[in-house]
Amino acid sequence: MTAPPNGSSHDLAHPQEQDLDLTQVLFALSDPGRLEIVRQLRDGPVEMAQCNLADPTVAKSTKSHLFKVLREAGVILNLPKGRGRLLSLRREELDRRFPGLLDAVLDAS
């Protein structure tokens, strides 16, 4: 899966695979809330509305910011799907760019 072309007003900017930066990816994965989201996406795409955090008191704006950091770092794709959005992990791109990194982070306790 590659980053989508930008053009529609519903498209969000996603970095291309060659532009993925290890520092930005590690930063995105360093936050417990963002890591929780990535773990939910490990087995496949999830509709944004169905992606929940363990702490139900997290504000919607905070949750949106978590998604934005992950998207801008190139960890997830956030694509329009009907009236909602579909989130997916950019596993293939991350594995090509940084072999073993994603599994090492996700498998850590």
PDB file of N, CA and C in Angstrom:
ATOM      1  N   MET A   1       0.855  -1.177   0.000  1.00  0.00           N
ATOM      2  CA  MET A   1       0.000   0.000   0.000  1.00  0.00           C
ATOM      3  C   MET A   1       0.898   1.236   0.000  1.00  0.00           C
ATOM      4  N   THR A   2       0.580   2.174  -0.828  1.00  0.00           N
ATOM      5  CA  THR A   2       1.377   3.392  -0.889  1.00  0.00           C
ATOM      6  C   THR A   2       0.542   4.575  -0.449  1.00  0.00           C
ATOM      7  N   ALA A   3       1.222   5.662  -0.207  1.00  0.00           N
ATOM      8  CA  ALA A   3       0.525   6.877   0.207  1.00  0.00           C
ATOM      9  C   ALA A   3      -0.381   7.334  -0.923  1.00  0.00           C
ATOM     10  N   PRO A   4      -1.571   7.822  -0.599  1.00  0.00           N
ATOM     11  CA  PRO A   4      -2.518   8.237  -1.637  1.00  0.00           C
ATOM     12  C   PRO A   4      -2.083   9.530  -2.302  1.00  0.00           C
ATOM     13  N   PRO A   5      -2.480   9.719  -3.558  1.00  0.00           N
ATOM     14  CA  PRO A   5      -2.208  11.005  -4.190  1.00  0.00           C
ATOM     15  C   PRO A   5      -3.089  12.065  -3.554  1.00  0.00           C
ATOM     16  N   ASN A   6      -2.551  13.236  -3.404  1.00  0.00           N
ATOM     17  CA  ASN A   6      -3.335  14.328  -2.829  1.00  0.00           C
ATOM     18  C   ASN A   6      -4.054  15.063  -3.951  1.00  0.00           C
ATOM     19  N   GLY A   7      -5.203  15.623  -3.632  1.00  0.00           N
ATOM     20  CA  GLY A   7      -5.932  16.354  -4.645  1.00  0.00           C
ATOM     21  C   GLY A   7      -7.343  16.661  -4.207  1.00  0.00           C
ATOM     22  N   SER A   8      -8.005  15.706  -3.606  1.00  0.00           N
ATOM     23  CA  SER A   8      -9.370  15.915  -3.134  1.00  0.00           C
ATOM     24  C   SER A   8      -9.337  16.695  -1.837  1.00  0.00           C
ATOM     25  N   SER A   9     -10.413  17.418  -1.571  1.00  0.00           N
ATOM     26  CA  SER A   9     -10.483  18.185  -0.322  1.00  0.00           C
ATOM     27  C   SER A   9     -10.559  17.257   0.889  1.00  0.00           C
ATOM     28  N   HIS A  10     -10.880  15.972   0.660  1.00  0.00           N
ATOM     29  CA  HIS A  10     -10.959  15.005   1.751  1.00  0.00           C
ATOM     30  C   HIS A  10      -9.640  14.281   1.981  1.00  0.00           C
ATOM     31  N   ASP A  11      -8.682  14.447   1.062  1.00  0.00           N
ATOM     32  CA  ASP A  11      -7.386  13.804   1.203  1.00  0.00           C
ATOM     33  C   ASP A  11      -6.546  14.549   2.228  1.00  0.00           C
ATOM     34  N   LEU A  12      -5.854  13.781   3.034  1.00  0.00           N
ATOM     35  CA  LEU A  12      -4.895  14.352   3.982  1.00  0.00           C
ATOM     36  C   LEU A  12      -3.501  14.037   3.469  1.00  0.00           C
ATOM     37  N   ALA A  13      -2.546  14.894   3.767  1.00  0.00           N
ATOM     38  CA  ALA A  13      -1.169  14.684   3.315  1.00  0.00           C
ATOM     39  C   ALA A  13      -0.552  13.504   4.053  1.00  0.00           C
ATOM     40  N   HIS A  14       0.082  12.628   3.293  1.00  0.00           N
ATOM     41  CA  HIS A  14       0.820  11.489   3.824  1.00  0.00           C
ATOM     42  C   HIS A  14       2.207  11.513   3.195  1.00  0.00           C
ATOM     43  N   PRO A  15       3.266  11.312   3.979  1.00  0.00           N
ATOM     44  CA  PRO A  15       4.597  11.297   3.375  1.00  0.00           C
ATOM     45  C   PRO A  15       4.783  10.077   2.476  1.00  0.00           C
ATOM     46  N   GLN A  16       5.553  10.250   1.436  1.00  0.00           N
ATOM     47  CA  GLN A  16       5.899   9.134   0.567  1.00  0.00           C
ATOM     48  C   GLN A  16       6.894   8.224   1.299  1.00  0.00           C
ATOM     49  N   GLU A  17       6.959   6.986   0.877  1.00  0.00           N
ATOM     50  CA  GLU A  17       7.827   6.003   1.547  1.00  0.00           C
ATOM     51  C   GLU A  17       9.266   6.494   1.658  1.00  0.00           C
ATOM     52  N   GLN A  18       9.809   7.048   0.603  1.00  0.00           N
ATOM     53  CA  GLN A  18      11.202   7.496   0.622  1.00  0.00           C
ATOM     54  C   GLN A  18      11.428   8.669   1.570  1.00  0.00           C
ATOM     55  N   ASP A  19      10.347   9.325   1.983  1.00  0.00           N
ATOM     56  CA  ASP A  19      10.456  10.469   2.887  1.00  0.00           C
ATOM     57  C   ASP A  19      10.241  10.096   4.357  1.00  0.00           C
ATOM     58  N   LEU A  20       9.963   8.828   4.634  1.00  0.00           N
ATOM     59  CA  LEU A  20       9.778   8.416   6.027  1.00  0.00           C
ATOM     60  C   LEU A  20      11.079   8.608   6.778  1.00  0.00           C
ATOM     61  N   ASP A  21      10.987   9.240   7.931  1.00  0.00           N
ATOM     62  CA  ASP A  21      12.154   9.590   8.732  1.00  0.00           C
ATOM     63  C   ASP A  21      12.130   8.791  10.036  1.00  0.00           C
ATOM     64  N   LEU A  22      13.221   8.103  10.335  1.00  0.00           N
ATOM     65  CA  LEU A  22      13.280   7.254  11.516  1.00  0.00           C
ATOM     66  C   LEU A  22      12.976   8.022  12.795  1.00  0.00           C
ATOM     67  N   THR A  23      13.499   9.213  12.929  1.00  0.00           N
ATOM     68  CA  THR A  23      13.258  10.014  14.128  1.00  0.00           C
ATOM     69  C   THR A  23      11.775  10.330  14.303  1.00  0.00           C
ATOM     70  N   GLN A  24      11.110  10.699  13.222  1.00  0.00           N
ATOM     71  CA  GLN A  24       9.684  11.019  13.295  1.00  0.00           C
ATOM     72  C   GLN A  24       8.850   9.779  13.594  1.00  0.00           C
ATOM     73  N   VAL A  25       9.212   8.648  13.000  1.00  0.00           N
ATOM     74  CA  VAL A  25       8.489   7.402  13.253  1.00  0.00           C
ATOM     75  C   VAL A  25       8.648   6.994  14.717  1.00  0.00           C
ATOM     76  N   LEU A  26       9.880   7.061  15.223  1.00  0.00           N
ATOM     77  CA  LEU A  26      10.105   6.696  16.624  1.00  0.00           C
ATOM     78  C   LEU A  26       9.369   7.647  17.570  1.00  0.00           C
ATOM     79  N   PHE A  27       9.353   8.929  17.248  1.00  0.00           N
ATOM     80  CA  PHE A  27       8.608   9.883  18.064  1.00  0.00           C
ATOM     81  C   PHE A  27       7.124   9.523  18.080  1.00  0.00           C
ATOM     82  N   ALA A  28       6.569   9.227  16.904  1.00  0.00           N
ATOM     83  CA  ALA A  28       5.141   8.892  16.817  1.00  0.00           C
ATOM     84  C   ALA A  28       4.818   7.648  17.628  1.00  0.00           C
ATOM     85  N   LEU A  29       5.733   6.693  17.666  1.00  0.00           N
ATOM     86  CA  LEU A  29       5.503   5.443  18.390  1.00  0.00           C
ATOM     87  C   LEU A  29       5.849   5.540  19.876  1.00  0.00           C
ATOM     88  N   SER A  30       6.397   6.663  20.301  1.00  0.00           N
ATOM     89  CA  SER A  30       6.863   6.792  21.693  1.00  0.00           C
ATOM     90  C   SER A  30       5.756   7.138  22.683  1.00  0.00           C
ATOM     91  N   ASP A  31       4.616   7.590  22.198  1.00  0.00           N
ATOM     92  CA  ASP A  31       3.514   7.980  23.075  1.00  0.00           C
ATOM     93  C   ASP A  31       2.604   6.777  23.321  1.00  0.00           C
ATOM     94  N   PRO A  32       2.243   6.495  24.578  1.00  0.00           N
ATOM     95  CA  PRO A  32       1.392   5.333  24.864  1.00  0.00           C
ATOM     96  C   PRO A  32       0.049   5.349  24.123  1.00  0.00           C
ATOM     97  N   GLY A  33      -0.577   6.496  23.978  1.00  0.00           N
ATOM     98  CA  GLY A  33      -1.849   6.581  23.267  1.00  0.00           C
ATOM     99  C   GLY A  33      -1.687   6.279  21.790  1.00  0.00           C
ATOM    100  N   ARG A  34      -0.646   6.824  21.184  1.00  0.00           N
ATOM    101  CA  ARG A  34      -0.407   6.565  19.764  1.00  0.00           C
ATOM    102  C   ARG A  34      -0.033   5.100  19.545  1.00  0.00           C
ATOM    103  N   LEU A  35       0.757   4.550  20.447  1.00  0.00           N
ATOM    104  CA  LEU A  35       1.143   3.146  20.345  1.00  0.00           C
ATOM    105  C   LEU A  35      -0.088   2.242  20.477  1.00  0.00           C
ATOM    106  N   GLU A  36      -1.008   2.610  21.339  1.00  0.00           N
ATOM    107  CA  GLU A  36      -2.253   1.858  21.502  1.00  0.00           C
ATOM    108  C   GLU A  36      -3.041   1.837  20.189  1.00  0.00           C
ATOM    109  N   ILE A  37      -3.088   2.962  19.498  1.00  0.00           N
ATOM    110  CA  ILE A  37      -3.773   3.038  18.207  1.00  0.00           C
ATOM    111  C   ILE A  37      -3.093   2.125  17.194  1.00  0.00           C
ATOM    112  N   VAL A  38      -1.766   2.178  17.128  1.00  0.00           N
ATOM    113  CA  VAL A  38      -1.022   1.355  16.174  1.00  0.00           C
ATOM    114  C   VAL A  38      -1.254  -0.127  16.456  1.00  0.00           C
ATOM    115  N   ARG A  39      -1.302  -0.502  17.718  1.00  0.00           N
ATOM    116  CA  ARG A  39      -1.564  -1.912  18.064  1.00  0.00           C
ATOM    117  C   ARG A  39      -2.957  -2.333  17.590  1.00  0.00           C
ATOM    118  N   GLN A  40      -3.933  -1.428  17.624  1.00  0.00           N
ATOM    119  CA  GLN A  40      -5.274  -1.759  17.136  1.00  0.00           C
ATOM    120  C   GLN A  40      -5.278  -1.971  15.626  1.00  0.00           C
ATOM    121  N   LEU A  41      -4.363  -1.303  14.932  1.00  0.00           N
ATOM    122  CA  LEU A  41      -4.304  -1.398  13.475  1.00  0.00           C
ATOM    123  C   LEU A  41      -3.424  -2.544  13.000  1.00  0.00           C
ATOM    124  N   ARG A  42      -2.777  -3.211  13.912  1.00  0.00           N
ATOM    125  CA  ARG A  42      -1.828  -4.280  13.575  1.00  0.00           C
ATOM    126  C   ARG A  42      -2.475  -5.375  12.723  1.00  0.00           C
ATOM    127  N   ASP A  43      -3.726  -5.721  13.003  1.00  0.00           N
ATOM    128  CA  ASP A  43      -4.386  -6.819  12.301  1.00  0.00           C
ATOM    129  C   ASP A  43      -5.183  -6.383  11.085  1.00  0.00           C
ATOM    130  N   GLY A  44      -5.189  -5.102  10.793  1.00  0.00           N
ATOM    131  CA  GLY A  44      -5.890  -4.632   9.609  1.00  0.00           C
ATOM    132  C   GLY A  44      -6.544  -3.286   9.841  1.00  0.00           C
ATOM    133  N   PRO A  45      -7.104  -2.712   8.773  1.00  0.00           N
ATOM    134  CA  PRO A  45      -7.720  -1.388   8.858  1.00  0.00           C
ATOM    135  C   PRO A  45      -8.881  -1.345   9.844  1.00  0.00           C
ATOM    136  N   VAL A  46      -9.077  -0.156  10.425  1.00  0.00           N
ATOM    137  CA  VAL A  46     -10.158   0.082  11.371  1.00  0.00           C
ATOM    138  C   VAL A  46     -10.776   1.430  11.026  1.00  0.00           C
ATOM    139  N   GLU A  47     -12.106   1.498  11.089  1.00  0.00           N
ATOM    140  CA  GLU A  47     -12.748   2.793  10.891  1.00  0.00           C
ATOM    141  C   GLU A  47     -12.389   3.698  12.066  1.00  0.00           C
ATOM    142  N   MET A  48     -12.103   4.954  11.760  1.00  0.00           N
ATOM    143  CA  MET A  48     -11.660   5.892  12.779  1.00  0.00           C
ATOM    144  C   MET A  48     -12.619   5.922  13.969  1.00  0.00           C
ATOM    145  N   ALA A  49     -13.897   5.896  13.705  1.00  0.00           N
ATOM    146  CA  ALA A  49     -14.889   5.963  14.779  1.00  0.00           C
ATOM    147  C   ALA A  49     -14.824   4.735  15.694  1.00  0.00           C
ATOM    148  N   GLN A  50     -14.294   3.620  15.197  1.00  0.00           N
ATOM    149  CA  GLN A  50     -14.204   2.389  15.984  1.00  0.00           C
ATOM    150  C   GLN A  50     -12.874   2.250  16.715  1.00  0.00           C
ATOM    151  N   CYS A  51     -11.939   3.132  16.452  1.00  0.00           N
ATOM    152  CA  CYS A  51     -10.621   3.089  17.076  1.00  0.00           C
ATOM    153  C   CYS A  51     -10.721   3.805  18.425  1.00  0.00           C
ATOM    154  N   ASN A  52     -10.649   3.046  19.497  1.00  0.00           N
ATOM    155  CA  ASN A  52     -10.841   3.599  20.833  1.00  0.00           C
ATOM    156  C   ASN A  52      -9.595   3.472  21.686  1.00  0.00           C
ATOM    157  N   LEU A  53      -9.458   4.386  22.617  1.00  0.00           N
ATOM    158  CA  LEU A  53      -8.361   4.348  23.568  1.00  0.00           C
ATOM    159  C   LEU A  53      -8.856   3.737  24.870  1.00  0.00           C
ATOM    160  N   ALA A  54      -7.931   3.177  25.640  1.00  0.00           N
ATOM    161  CA  ALA A  54      -8.285   2.567  26.924  1.00  0.00           C
ATOM    162  C   ALA A  54      -8.901   3.597  27.866  1.00  0.00           C
ATOM    163  N   ASP A  55      -8.458   4.834  27.761  1.00  0.00           N
ATOM    164  CA  ASP A  55      -8.979   5.902  28.612  1.00  0.00           C
ATOM    165  C   ASP A  55     -10.122   6.609  27.892  1.00  0.00           C
ATOM    166  N   PRO A  56     -11.377   6.343  28.281  1.00  0.00           N
ATOM    167  CA  PRO A  56     -12.514   6.941  27.578  1.00  0.00           C
ATOM    168  C   PRO A  56     -12.675   8.441  27.813  1.00  0.00           C
ATOM    169  N   THR A  57     -11.901   9.015  28.733  1.00  0.00           N
ATOM    170  CA  THR A  57     -12.020  10.448  29.016  1.00  0.00           C
ATOM    171  C   THR A  57     -11.144  11.299  28.093  1.00  0.00           C
ATOM    172  N   VAL A  58     -10.381  10.664  27.208  1.00  0.00           N
ATOM    173  CA  VAL A  58      -9.525  11.417  26.288  1.00  0.00           C
ATOM    174  C   VAL A  58     -10.412  12.250  25.368  1.00  0.00           C
ATOM    175  N   ALA A  59     -10.132  13.533  25.308  1.00  0.00           N
ATOM    176  CA  ALA A  59     -10.919  14.450  24.478  1.00  0.00           C
ATOM    177  C   ALA A  59     -10.800  14.093  23.000  1.00  0.00           C
ATOM    178  N   LYS A  60     -11.872  14.370  22.256  1.00  0.00           N
ATOM    179  CA  LYS A  60     -11.886  14.099  20.821  1.00  0.00           C
ATOM    180  C   LYS A  60     -10.746  14.840  20.115  1.00  0.00           C
ATOM    181  N   SER A  61     -10.461  16.050  20.549  1.00  0.00           N
ATOM    182  CA  SER A  61      -9.379  16.828  19.934  1.00  0.00           C
ATOM    183  C   SER A  61      -8.019  16.176  20.191  1.00  0.00           C
ATOM    184  N   THR A  62      -7.847  15.606  21.361  1.00  0.00           N
ATOM    185  CA  THR A  62      -6.594  14.914  21.686  1.00  0.00           C
ATOM    186  C   THR A  62      -6.457  13.667  20.830  1.00  0.00           C
ATOM    187  N   LYS A  63      -7.531  12.928  20.696  1.00  0.00           N
ATOM    188  CA  LYS A  63      -7.526  11.723  19.872  1.00  0.00           C
ATOM    189  C   LYS A  63      -7.206  12.083  18.415  1.00  0.00           C
ATOM    190  N   SER A  64      -7.792  13.154  17.917  1.00  0.00           N
ATOM    191  CA  SER A  64      -7.508  13.608  16.553  1.00  0.00           C
ATOM    192  C   SER A  64      -6.035  13.969  16.391  1.00  0.00           C
ATOM    193  N   HIS A  65      -5.474  14.591  17.418  1.00  0.00           N
ATOM    194  CA  HIS A  65      -4.055  14.950  17.360  1.00  0.00           C
ATOM    195  C   HIS A  65      -3.177  13.693  17.320  1.00  0.00           C
ATOM    196  N   LEU A  66      -3.549  12.668  18.064  1.00  0.00           N
ATOM    197  CA  LEU A  66      -2.787  11.411  18.046  1.00  0.00           C
ATOM    198  C   LEU A  66      -2.774  10.830  16.633  1.00  0.00           C
ATOM    199  N   PHE A  67      -3.939  10.831  15.968  1.00  0.00           N
ATOM    200  CA  PHE A  67      -4.021  10.334  14.587  1.00  0.00           C
ATOM    201  C   PHE A  67      -3.162  11.186  13.652  1.00  0.00           C
ATOM    202  N   LYS A  68      -3.193  12.488  13.852  1.00  0.00           N
ATOM    203  CA  LYS A  68      -2.435  13.401  12.988  1.00  0.00           C
ATOM    204  C   LYS A  68      -0.930  13.154  13.099  1.00  0.00           C
ATOM    205  N   VAL A  69      -0.429  12.981  14.315  1.00  0.00           N
ATOM    206  CA  VAL A  69       1.004  12.731  14.498  1.00  0.00           C
ATOM    207  C   VAL A  69       1.401  11.425  13.811  1.00  0.00           C
ATOM    208  N   LEU A  70       0.595  10.382  13.978  1.00  0.00           N
ATOM    209  CA  LEU A  70       0.885   9.096  13.333  1.00  0.00           C
ATOM    210  C   LEU A  70       0.857   9.217  11.810  1.00  0.00           C
ATOM    211  N   ARG A  71      -0.115   9.946  11.288  1.00  0.00           N
ATOM    212  CA  ARG A  71      -0.215  10.126   9.831  1.00  0.00           C
ATOM    213  C   ARG A  71       0.954  10.926   9.292  1.00  0.00           C
ATOM    214  N   GLU A  72       1.276  12.036   9.942  1.00  0.00           N
ATOM    215  CA  GLU A  72       2.357  12.889   9.444  1.00  0.00           C
ATOM    216  C   GLU A  72       3.721  12.222   9.532  1.00  0.00           C
ATOM    217  N   ALA A  73       3.878  11.278  10.459  1.00  0.00           N
ATOM    218  CA  ALA A  73       5.135  10.532  10.566  1.00  0.00           C
ATOM    219  C   ALA A  73       5.187   9.396   9.549  1.00  0.00           C
ATOM    220  N   GLY A  74       4.042   9.088   8.927  1.00  0.00           N
ATOM    221  CA  GLY A  74       4.003   8.017   7.937  1.00  0.00           C
ATOM    222  C   GLY A  74       3.717   6.652   8.518  1.00  0.00           C
ATOM    223  N   VAL A  75       3.244   6.599   9.756  1.00  0.00           N
ATOM    224  CA  VAL A  75       2.963   5.322  10.404  1.00  0.00           C
ATOM    225  C   VAL A  75       1.606   4.776   9.965  1.00  0.00           C
ATOM    226  N   ILE A  76       0.631   5.657   9.751  1.00  0.00           N
ATOM    227  CA  ILE A  76      -0.700   5.214   9.337  1.00  0.00           C
ATOM    228  C   ILE A  76      -1.162   5.958   8.100  1.00  0.00           C
ATOM    229  N   LEU A  77      -2.132   5.336   7.413  1.00  0.00           N
ATOM    230  CA  LEU A  77      -2.877   6.003   6.360  1.00  0.00           C
ATOM    231  C   LEU A  77      -4.226   6.360   6.940  1.00  0.00           C
ATOM    232  N   ASN A  78      -4.732   7.528   6.619  1.00  0.00           N
ATOM    233  CA  ASN A  78      -6.031   8.000   7.076  1.00  0.00           C
ATOM    234  C   ASN A  78      -6.785   8.420   5.819  1.00  0.00           C
ATOM    235  N   LEU A  79      -7.666   7.544   5.351  1.00  0.00           N
ATOM    236  CA  LEU A  79      -8.321   7.756   4.068  1.00  0.00           C
ATOM    237  C   LEU A  79      -9.827   7.907   4.221  1.00  0.00           C
ATOM    238  N   PRO A  80     -10.453   8.705   3.353  1.00  0.00           N
ATOM    239  CA  PRO A  80     -11.908   8.838   3.409  1.00  0.00           C
ATOM    240  C   PRO A  80     -12.585   7.520   3.061  1.00  0.00           C
ATOM    241  N   LYS A  81     -13.660   7.226   3.778  1.00  0.00           N
ATOM    242  CA  LYS A  81     -14.493   6.050   3.485  1.00  0.00           C
ATOM    243  C   LYS A  81     -15.929   6.449   3.766  1.00  0.00           C
ATOM    244  N   GLY A  82     -16.644   6.774   2.727  1.00  0.00           N
ATOM    245  CA  GLY A  82     -18.009   7.256   2.902  1.00  0.00           C
ATOM    246  C   GLY A  82     -17.998   8.545   3.699  1.00  0.00           C
ATOM    247  N   ARG A  83     -18.791   8.571   4.786  1.00  0.00           N
ATOM    248  CA  ARG A  83     -18.836   9.765   5.644  1.00  0.00           C
ATOM    249  C   ARG A  83     -17.795   9.708   6.749  1.00  0.00           C
ATOM    250  N   GLY A  84     -17.072   8.601   6.844  1.00  0.00           N
ATOM    251  CA  GLY A  84     -16.061   8.442   7.879  1.00  0.00           C
ATOM    252  C   GLY A  84     -14.669   8.373   7.296  1.00  0.00           C
ATOM    253  N   ARG A  85     -13.754   7.809   8.078  1.00  0.00           N
ATOM    254  CA  ARG A  85     -12.370   7.666   7.643  1.00  0.00           C
ATOM    255  C   ARG A  85     -11.888   6.284   8.036  1.00  0.00           C
ATOM    256  N   LEU A  86     -11.025   5.723   7.219  1.00  0.00           N
ATOM    257  CA  LEU A  86     -10.455   4.409   7.460  1.00  0.00           C
ATOM    258  C   LEU A  86      -8.980   4.568   7.789  1.00  0.00           C
ATOM    259  N   LEU A  87      -8.572   3.980   8.903  1.00  0.00           N
ATOM    260  CA  LEU A  87      -7.173   4.021   9.335  1.00  0.00           C
ATOM    261  C   LEU A  87      -6.519   2.687   9.041  1.00  0.00           C
ATOM    262  N   SER A  88      -5.307   2.722   8.535  1.00  0.00           N
ATOM    263  CA  SER A  88      -4.556   1.488   8.332  1.00  0.00           C
ATOM    264  C   SER A  88      -3.087   1.747   8.607  1.00  0.00           C
ATOM    265  N   LEU A  89      -2.428   0.706   9.048  1.00  0.00           N
ATOM    266  CA  LEU A  89      -1.005   0.751   9.357  1.00  0.00           C
ATOM    267  C   LEU A  89      -0.214   0.624   8.062  1.00  0.00           C
ATOM    268  N   ARG A  90       0.799   1.436   7.892  1.00  0.00           N
ATOM    269  CA  ARG A  90       1.637   1.380   6.686  1.00  0.00           C
ATOM    270  C   ARG A  90       2.765   0.365   6.901  1.00  0.00           C
ATOM    271  N   ARG A  91       2.375  -0.848   7.251  1.00  0.00           N
ATOM    272  CA  ARG A  91       3.329  -1.891   7.614  1.00  0.00           C
ATOM    273  C   ARG A  91       4.334  -2.182   6.499  1.00  0.00           C
ATOM    274  N   GLU A  92       3.847  -2.375   5.281  1.00  0.00           N
ATOM    275  CA  GLU A  92       4.760  -2.726   4.187  1.00  0.00           C
ATOM    276  C   GLU A  92       5.822  -1.658   3.974  1.00  0.00           C
ATOM    277  N   GLU A  93       5.410  -0.395   3.941  1.00  0.00           N
ATOM    278  CA  GLU A  93       6.361   0.691   3.728  1.00  0.00           C
ATOM    279  C   GLU A  93       7.343   0.799   4.890  1.00  0.00           C
ATOM    280  N   LEU A  94       6.824   0.695   6.106  1.00  0.00           N
ATOM    281  CA  LEU A  94       7.694   0.788   7.284  1.00  0.00           C
ATOM    282  C   LEU A  94       8.672  -0.378   7.340  1.00  0.00           C
ATOM    283  N   ASP A  95       8.210  -1.580   6.991  1.00  0.00           N
ATOM    284  CA  ASP A  95       9.102  -2.747   7.001  1.00  0.00           C
ATOM    285  C   ASP A  95      10.186  -2.644   5.938  1.00  0.00           C
ATOM    286  N   ARG A  96       9.843  -2.084   4.783  1.00  0.00           N
ATOM    287  CA  ARG A  96      10.880  -1.901   3.750  1.00  0.00           C
ATOM    288  C   ARG A  96      11.891  -0.842   4.180  1.00  0.00           C
ATOM    289  N   ARG A  97      11.391   0.243   4.732  1.00  0.00           N
ATOM    290  CA  ARG A  97      12.255   1.376   5.088  1.00  0.00           C
ATOM    291  C   ARG A  97      13.079   1.097   6.346  1.00  0.00           C
ATOM    292  N   PHE A  98      12.449   0.470   7.346  1.00  0.00           N
ATOM    293  CA  PHE A  98      13.100   0.208   8.635  1.00  0.00           C
ATOM    294  C   PHE A  98      12.816  -1.244   9.039  1.00  0.00           C
ATOM    295  N   PRO A  99      13.508  -2.209   8.416  1.00  0.00           N
ATOM    296  CA  PRO A  99      13.215  -3.626   8.667  1.00  0.00           C
ATOM    297  C   PRO A  99      13.267  -3.986  10.157  1.00  0.00           C
ATOM    298  N   GLY A 100      12.199  -4.639  10.610  1.00  0.00           N
ATOM    299  CA  GLY A 100      12.143  -5.132  11.982  1.00  0.00           C
ATOM    300  C   GLY A 100      11.720  -4.121  13.027  1.00  0.00           C
ATOM    301  N   LEU A 101      11.711  -2.852  12.688  1.00  0.00           N
ATOM    302  CA  LEU A 101      11.405  -1.824  13.680  1.00  0.00           C
ATOM    303  C   LEU A 101      10.000  -1.945  14.242  1.00  0.00           C
ATOM    304  N   LEU A 102       9.029  -2.044  13.374  1.00  0.00           N
ATOM    305  CA  LEU A 102       7.636  -2.067  13.813  1.00  0.00           C
ATOM    306  C   LEU A 102       7.362  -3.261  14.721  1.00  0.00           C
ATOM    307  N   ASP A 103       7.823  -4.445  14.316  1.00  0.00           N
ATOM    308  CA  ASP A 103       7.614  -5.619  15.162  1.00  0.00           C
ATOM    309  C   ASP A 103       8.319  -5.480  16.502  1.00  0.00           C
ATOM    310  N   ALA A 104       9.512  -4.932  16.502  1.00  0.00           N
ATOM    311  CA  ALA A 104      10.250  -4.759  17.764  1.00  0.00           C
ATOM    312  C   ALA A 104       9.486  -3.830  18.716  1.00  0.00           C
ATOM    313  N   VAL A 105       8.935  -2.751  18.190  1.00  0.00           N
ATOM    314  CA  VAL A 105       8.209  -1.801  19.027  1.00  0.00           C
ATOM    315  C   VAL A 105       6.879  -2.400  19.485  1.00  0.00           C
ATOM    316  N   LEU A 106       6.148  -3.029  18.571  1.00  0.00           N
ATOM    317  CA  LEU A 106       4.831  -3.555  18.902  1.00  0.00           C
ATOM    318  C   LEU A 106       4.915  -4.769  19.832  1.00  0.00           C
ATOM    319  N   ASP A 107       5.996  -5.539  19.734  1.00  0.00           N
ATOM    320  CA  ASP A 107       6.141  -6.719  20.584  1.00  0.00           C
ATOM    321  C   ASP A 107       6.736  -6.402  21.950  1.00  0.00           C
ATOM    322  N   ALA A 108       7.261  -5.207  22.130  1.00  0.00           N
ATOM    323  CA  ALA A 108       7.836  -4.819  23.428  1.00  0.00           C
ATOM    324  C   ALA A 108       6.715  -4.742  24.464  1.00  0.00           C
ATOM    325  N   SER A 109       7.047  -5.097  25.677  1.00  0.00           N
ATOM    326  CA  SER A 109       5.995  -5.095  26.727  1.00  0.00           C
ATOM    327  C   SER A 109       5.677  -3.717  27.211  1.00  0.00           C
TER     328      SER A 109
END
